Each structure stands twice: as C-alpha cells, then as structure tokens.
Amino acid sequence: APPFFATKSQPPRGVAAMAEHGLKESALLKEYVKNGDVVGICVSGGLDSKTVALRLRLAGVKVKCFTADIGQPDEEDINDVVKKMAPCGVETIVVDLKDDIAEGAFEAVAAQASYDGGYWQSTGIGRFVTARGLLQEMKKHGCTVLSHGATGRGNDQVRFERYVNVIDPNFKVYAPWRDPVLLEEFPGRSQMLAFLQKHGIGHTIVSQASKRYSTDANICGLSNEAEDLESMQTPMTIVNPVMGVWPKDAPDVQEEITLRYTKGRCTHIN
C-alpha cells in the first residue's frame, strides 16, 4: 500500500503519533500528507515556530524550515534560529536577504513610502522581501506549501498570502492559526509551552514586565507596537531605539559623515 494510506498492520504516517499524544486530525494537514506535499515554514525560533513545526511533524507532514536574514539589529546571531529549531527535529535554512532589503530601502526612500505622513514602511517592505525570498528558496528545496505564523486577525496574513498568490498562484499557503484544529489545541502560550515540554523541548519567554511591547526589525529600521504601547498613559520612551538614541541621550558634538553613491545607491559611508 502507498505509505500514506492505512493497512491492517500499518496506520497512516502521523496518525499513530497523534493518537499517542492526544492530538486531533486536521483535514488540511491530512490533505498535505495524502498529496505528499512538503511544507516550508517561515520561522523565527520563537514559541509559535517551534509549536507549529513539531505539530506538523507529528501529523506526518514533510517539513522544512526557513528564516530570513534581513539585517535585523535585534538578532545578534541569525544562526541562533537554527539552534532553537533543532530540538523540533527539523532542518532550518537561513536565507541571506540583506541585499534585497537594502534595495527595498532605497526604493522606499525614492517613492517616499511612508504611512500617515511619518511612519516609514520598513516593516511592510520587510514582509515582501521575506515572503519573496523564502518562497524562492522553498522552491529550490522541493517545497509545495508555504506556512506562515501570522494570526488570523492582523494584516501580516494578507501580506504573506497575497505576495505568494501574485508571485506563484499555484503555490499553496497554510495558515496554522486559521486551522480550527490547531486553534483549539493551542488557544494561548501556556498550551504551547506545555506541548513543547511534553516532548522534551525547552523554551524560555523573556519577560519584559516593565517594558511590554512587540518589535519588528530589519536593516531599514524598527517598528514597535502592542501591549503597553496601546495605552495613552504609556510614554513612547519606554522603547529601546536600538538603531539610535532618544534626543536627550544624543551626544552634544555633531559628526560629519561622507556618503558615496553609485547609480543612485549609497555604497560607502566614510
């Protein structure tokens, strides 16, 4: 019998594992297994990434993980993502997209791509560069489905899915947090942590009790939002600028720099 179908002596790949761990069968994942699809997961090494990668593996889905290097200044070593994902039993490929995001930055400046007159689209550009770059790499590794970790409530899900749809309409997209089965199994962080711990995989959530907010970063800049920043009572100065300093912390002595441009692109500083 084909490896993905049941016989009396051998259940479908993944069914036994799910039954053993008390997991329900997802119709979407079952279809991927049946078709022999390879799912490329966009990962960051965080709690969601680990949970989704392990959950898909237990369902018998062929999985490969991909992460983008877009010069994010809050990531000291991009290869740490590979180490964080390794306990989940998955291969993780780092895709160098620094040149792509830099080109996106130049194009954004040329187009004056800012929102509401002052919010430069650093994060939005990063999403396109990431989706396009990872999709291209996934194809090289035989993937047929792109999986993203965006929730079913924000605009990131639209960004990832529409970019894939436009670049390759035949490439499938899987959104774990719109899969009813996974939503039921993992309604919050505590369930994800318990799931990983049950399988001997550790994860530490870094507490920012005094400074709770979310940051998206790449070589273009950083954007901060959510949690404490949603309150009008919270000053924006709780944010660590990372790529600069607040005016009050700036040096009193100005610095002169020299920029060299080639064909409209800055190539050298000093």
Protein backbone atom coordinates (compact mmCIF):
# COMPACT_ATOMS: atom_id res chain seq x y z
CA ALA A 1 0.00 0.00 0.00
CA PRO A 2 1.19 3.60 -0.54
CA PRO A 3 2.93 4.92 2.60
CA PHE A 4 0.21 7.50 3.36
CA PHE A 5 -2.72 5.05 3.50
CA ALA A 6 -3.78 2.63 6.20
CA THR A 7 -3.39 -1.11 6.14
CA LYS A 8 -4.37 -3.50 8.89
CA SER A 9 -0.79 -3.71 10.09
CA GLN A 10 0.39 -0.13 9.45
CA PRO A 11 -1.57 3.06 10.18
CA PRO A 12 -1.03 6.19 8.08
CA ARG A 13 2.13 8.09 8.88
CA GLY A 14 1.36 10.53 11.70
CA VAL A 15 -1.93 9.01 12.84
CA ALA A 16 -0.30 6.79 15.45
CA ALA A 17 1.81 9.68 16.73
CA MET A 18 -1.19 11.98 17.02
CA ALA A 19 -3.28 9.33 18.77
CA GLU A 20 -0.44 8.67 21.19
CA HIS A 21 -0.21 12.34 22.12
CA GLY A 22 -3.94 13.04 22.18
CA LEU A 23 -3.95 15.28 19.10
CA LYS A 24 -6.85 15.65 16.70
CA GLU A 25 -6.62 15.16 12.96
CA SER A 26 -6.53 18.33 10.86
CA ALA A 27 -8.25 18.00 7.48
CA LEU A 28 -5.79 20.47 5.97
CA LEU A 29 -2.71 18.61 7.21
CA LYS A 30 -4.23 15.26 6.25
CA GLU A 31 -4.55 16.53 2.68
CA TYR A 32 -0.90 17.62 2.61
CA VAL A 33 0.18 14.17 3.80
CA LYS A 34 -2.03 12.49 1.21
CA ASN A 35 -0.60 14.65 -1.60
CA GLY A 36 2.99 14.22 -0.46
CA ASP A 37 3.35 17.99 -0.09
CA VAL A 38 6.44 19.49 1.50
CA VAL A 39 5.59 22.41 3.78
CA GLY A 40 8.13 25.20 4.12
CA ILE A 41 7.59 27.01 7.41
CA CYS A 42 8.70 30.62 7.90
CA VAL A 43 10.25 30.54 11.38
CA SER A 44 11.84 32.88 13.89
CA GLY A 45 12.81 30.32 16.51
CA GLY A 46 10.07 31.53 18.82
CA LEU A 47 7.29 29.72 20.63
CA ASP A 48 4.89 29.70 17.67
CA SER A 49 7.58 28.47 15.27
CA LYS A 50 8.56 25.55 17.46
CA THR A 51 4.96 24.59 18.16
CA VAL A 52 3.89 24.62 14.52
CA ALA A 53 6.98 22.75 13.27
CA LEU A 54 6.61 19.98 15.84
CA ARG A 55 2.83 19.74 15.43
CA LEU A 56 3.12 19.34 11.65
CA ARG A 57 5.81 16.70 12.04
CA LEU A 58 3.60 14.71 14.41
CA ALA A 59 0.84 14.88 11.81
CA GLY A 60 3.18 13.17 9.36
CA VAL A 61 3.74 16.26 7.22
CA LYS A 62 7.07 16.67 5.45
CA VAL A 63 8.53 19.86 6.90
CA LYS A 64 11.44 22.18 6.16
CA CYS A 65 12.01 25.47 7.97
CA PHE A 66 13.30 28.76 6.60
CA THR A 67 14.31 32.03 8.22
CA ALA A 68 15.27 35.32 6.58
CA ASP A 69 18.36 37.37 7.36
CA ILE A 70 17.17 40.91 6.63
CA GLY A 71 19.76 42.60 8.81
CA GLN A 72 17.53 42.70 11.89
CA PRO A 73 19.55 44.52 14.58
CA ASP A 74 17.73 42.82 17.44
CA GLU A 75 19.02 39.40 16.31
CA GLU A 76 22.64 39.09 17.49
CA ASP A 77 23.26 35.87 15.56
CA ILE A 78 20.77 34.75 12.90
CA ASN A 79 22.13 31.20 13.18
CA ASP A 80 20.66 31.03 16.68
CA VAL A 81 17.34 30.39 14.93
CA VAL A 82 18.76 27.14 13.54
CA LYS A 83 19.83 26.06 17.04
CA LYS A 84 16.45 26.96 18.54
CA MET A 85 14.55 24.93 15.95
CA ALA A 86 16.85 21.87 16.04
CA PRO A 87 15.16 20.20 19.06
CA CYS A 88 11.96 20.04 16.99
CA GLY A 89 13.68 17.65 14.62
CA VAL A 90 13.57 19.98 11.62
CA GLU A 91 16.09 21.33 9.16
CA THR A 92 16.27 25.13 9.14
CA ILE A 93 17.75 27.09 6.25
CA VAL A 94 18.95 30.69 6.73
CA VAL A 95 18.28 32.77 3.62
CA ASP A 96 20.51 35.84 3.21
CA LEU A 97 18.24 38.66 2.02
CA LYS A 98 20.26 41.64 3.24
CA ASP A 99 20.91 42.92 -0.29
CA ASP A 100 17.20 42.56 -1.10
CA ILE A 101 16.06 44.54 1.94
CA ALA A 102 18.70 47.21 1.26
CA GLU A 103 17.37 47.64 -2.29
CA GLY A 104 13.87 47.84 -0.84
CA ALA A 105 15.04 50.64 1.45
CA PHE A 106 16.38 52.69 -1.47
CA GLU A 107 13.16 52.20 -3.40
CA ALA A 108 11.11 53.25 -0.36
CA VAL A 109 13.10 56.47 0.01
CA ALA A 110 12.76 57.20 -3.71
CA ALA A 111 8.99 56.63 -3.52
CA GLN A 112 8.65 58.43 -0.16
CA ALA A 113 6.83 55.34 1.12
CA SER A 114 5.56 56.49 4.48
CA TYR A 115 2.20 55.97 6.16
CA ASP A 116 0.24 58.82 7.75
CA GLY A 117 2.99 61.22 6.75
CA GLY A 118 5.73 59.91 9.00
CA TYR A 119 5.72 56.15 9.51
CA TRP A 120 8.25 54.74 7.05
CA GLN A 121 7.25 51.36 5.68
CA SER A 122 10.26 49.46 6.98
CA THR A 123 8.21 46.55 8.29
CA GLY A 124 5.91 46.37 5.27
CA ILE A 125 8.89 46.25 2.90
CA GLY A 126 10.48 43.59 5.09
CA ARG A 127 7.40 41.38 4.75
CA PHE A 128 7.54 41.48 0.95
CA VAL A 129 11.28 40.83 0.85
CA THR A 130 10.87 37.94 3.30
CA ALA A 131 7.92 36.33 1.52
CA ARG A 132 9.52 36.60 -1.92
CA GLY A 133 12.96 35.44 -0.78
CA LEU A 134 11.74 32.50 1.28
CA LEU A 135 9.32 31.41 -1.44
CA GLN A 136 12.15 31.30 -3.98
CA GLU A 137 14.33 29.29 -1.58
CA MET A 138 11.50 26.91 -0.70
CA LYS A 139 11.07 26.03 -4.36
CA LYS A 140 14.76 25.09 -4.56
CA HIS A 141 14.21 22.63 -1.70
CA GLY A 142 11.14 20.99 -3.21
CA CYS A 143 8.51 22.69 -1.06
CA THR A 144 4.96 22.98 -2.37
CA VAL A 145 3.33 24.84 0.54
CA LEU A 146 4.39 27.99 2.42
CA SER A 147 3.34 28.17 6.06
CA HIS A 148 3.41 31.47 7.94
CA GLY A 149 2.83 32.22 11.59
CA ALA A 150 0.64 35.31 11.23
CA THR A 151 -2.57 35.32 13.23
CA GLY A 152 -5.99 35.42 11.63
CA ARG A 153 -6.58 38.94 12.94
CA GLY A 154 -3.81 41.15 11.50
CA ASN A 155 -2.56 42.38 8.15
CA ASP A 156 0.53 40.14 8.03
CA GLN A 157 -1.57 37.17 6.94
CA VAL A 158 -2.75 39.23 3.95
CA ARG A 159 0.79 40.32 3.13
CA PHE A 160 2.28 36.83 3.14
CA GLU A 161 -0.57 35.16 1.30
CA ARG A 162 -1.14 37.82 -1.36
CA TYR A 163 2.56 38.05 -2.17
CA VAL A 164 2.71 34.28 -2.66
CA ASN A 165 -0.52 34.31 -4.69
CA VAL A 166 0.83 37.01 -7.01
CA ILE A 167 4.33 35.55 -7.43
CA ASP A 168 3.15 31.96 -7.90
CA PRO A 169 -0.63 31.37 -7.95
CA ASN A 170 -0.08 27.59 -7.88
CA PHE A 171 1.93 27.60 -4.66
CA LYS A 172 -0.19 26.67 -1.64
CA VAL A 173 -0.31 28.64 1.61
CA TYR A 174 -1.03 27.18 5.06
CA ALA A 175 -2.01 29.45 7.96
CA PRO A 176 -1.72 27.39 11.19
CA TRP A 177 -3.63 29.95 13.24
CA ARG A 178 -6.62 29.71 10.93
CA ASP A 179 -6.66 25.91 11.14
CA PRO A 180 -9.59 25.14 13.51
CA VAL A 181 -7.84 22.10 14.97
CA LEU A 182 -4.63 23.94 15.89
CA LEU A 183 -6.60 26.89 17.24
CA GLU A 184 -8.49 24.54 19.54
CA GLU A 185 -5.33 22.78 20.69
CA PHE A 186 -3.29 25.94 21.26
CA PRO A 187 -5.52 28.83 22.38
CA GLY A 188 -2.61 30.50 24.16
CA ARG A 189 1.04 30.44 25.15
CA SER A 190 0.57 28.15 28.14
CA GLN A 191 -0.77 25.35 25.93
CA MET A 192 2.14 25.76 23.50
CA LEU A 193 4.68 25.64 26.31
CA ALA A 194 3.04 22.53 27.79
CA PHE A 195 3.06 20.87 24.35
CA LEU A 196 6.78 21.53 23.85
CA GLN A 197 7.68 20.48 27.38
CA LYS A 198 5.76 17.24 26.93
CA HIS A 199 8.13 16.44 24.07
CA GLY A 200 11.26 17.47 25.94
CA ILE A 201 11.69 20.78 24.13
CA GLY A 202 12.52 23.79 26.26
CA HIS A 203 11.51 27.38 25.59
CA THR A 204 12.07 30.48 27.67
CA ILE A 205 9.82 33.51 27.33
CA VAL A 206 11.88 36.60 28.07
CA SER A 207 9.86 38.74 30.43
CA GLN A 208 9.65 42.45 29.75
CA ALA A 209 7.43 43.21 32.71
CA SER A 210 8.45 46.88 32.81
CA LYS A 211 8.59 47.33 29.03
CA ARG A 212 5.98 45.17 27.31
CA TYR A 213 5.67 45.72 23.58
CA SER A 214 6.30 43.99 20.26
CA THR A 215 9.15 44.89 17.89
CA ASP A 216 9.64 44.19 14.18
CA ALA A 217 13.11 44.97 12.90
CA ASN A 218 15.20 44.85 9.76
CA ILE A 219 18.04 46.82 8.19
CA CYS A 220 15.60 49.65 7.33
CA GLY A 221 14.51 50.27 10.91
CA LEU A 222 12.30 49.10 13.75
CA SER A 223 8.58 49.42 14.48
CA ASN A 224 7.16 48.93 17.95
CA GLU A 225 3.56 48.28 18.93
CA ALA A 226 1.07 46.44 21.16
CA GLU A 227 0.64 45.76 24.86
CA ASP A 228 1.78 48.74 26.98
CA LEU A 229 2.13 50.99 23.93
CA GLU A 230 -1.63 50.68 23.30
CA SER A 231 -2.27 52.81 26.38
CA MET A 232 -2.31 56.60 26.07
CA GLN A 233 -0.83 56.67 29.56
CA THR A 234 2.39 55.00 28.40
CA PRO A 235 5.17 57.25 27.07
CA MET A 236 6.90 56.09 23.91
CA THR A 237 10.22 56.49 25.71
CA ILE A 238 9.78 53.01 27.23
CA VAL A 239 11.00 51.76 23.84
CA ASN A 240 14.67 50.97 23.31
CA PRO A 241 15.52 52.70 19.98
CA VAL A 242 18.24 50.07 19.25
CA MET A 243 19.39 51.71 15.98
CA GLY A 244 19.77 55.13 17.58
CA VAL A 245 19.14 57.05 20.80
CA TRP A 246 16.50 59.40 22.15
CA PRO A 247 17.39 63.11 21.64
CA LYS A 248 18.10 63.54 25.35
CA ASP A 249 20.74 60.83 25.11
CA ALA A 250 22.36 62.10 21.93
CA PRO A 251 25.96 63.39 22.05
CA ASP A 252 26.43 67.17 22.16
CA VAL A 253 29.07 67.10 19.44
CA GLN A 254 27.91 66.77 15.85
CA GLU A 255 29.56 64.30 13.49
CA GLU A 256 30.22 64.83 9.81
CA ILE A 257 29.97 61.81 7.53
CA THR A 258 30.70 61.18 3.86
CA LEU A 259 28.35 59.14 1.68
CA ARG A 260 29.33 57.73 -1.70
CA TYR A 261 26.62 56.96 -4.28
CA THR A 262 26.84 54.75 -7.36
CA LYS A 263 23.92 54.77 -9.81
CA GLY A 264 21.60 56.18 -7.19
CA ARG A 265 22.58 53.70 -4.49
CA CYS A 266 24.66 54.54 -1.44
CA THR A 267 27.65 52.18 -1.47
CA HIS A 268 30.04 53.61 1.14
CA ILE A 269 29.91 55.55 4.41
CA ASN A 270 33.08 57.43 5.38
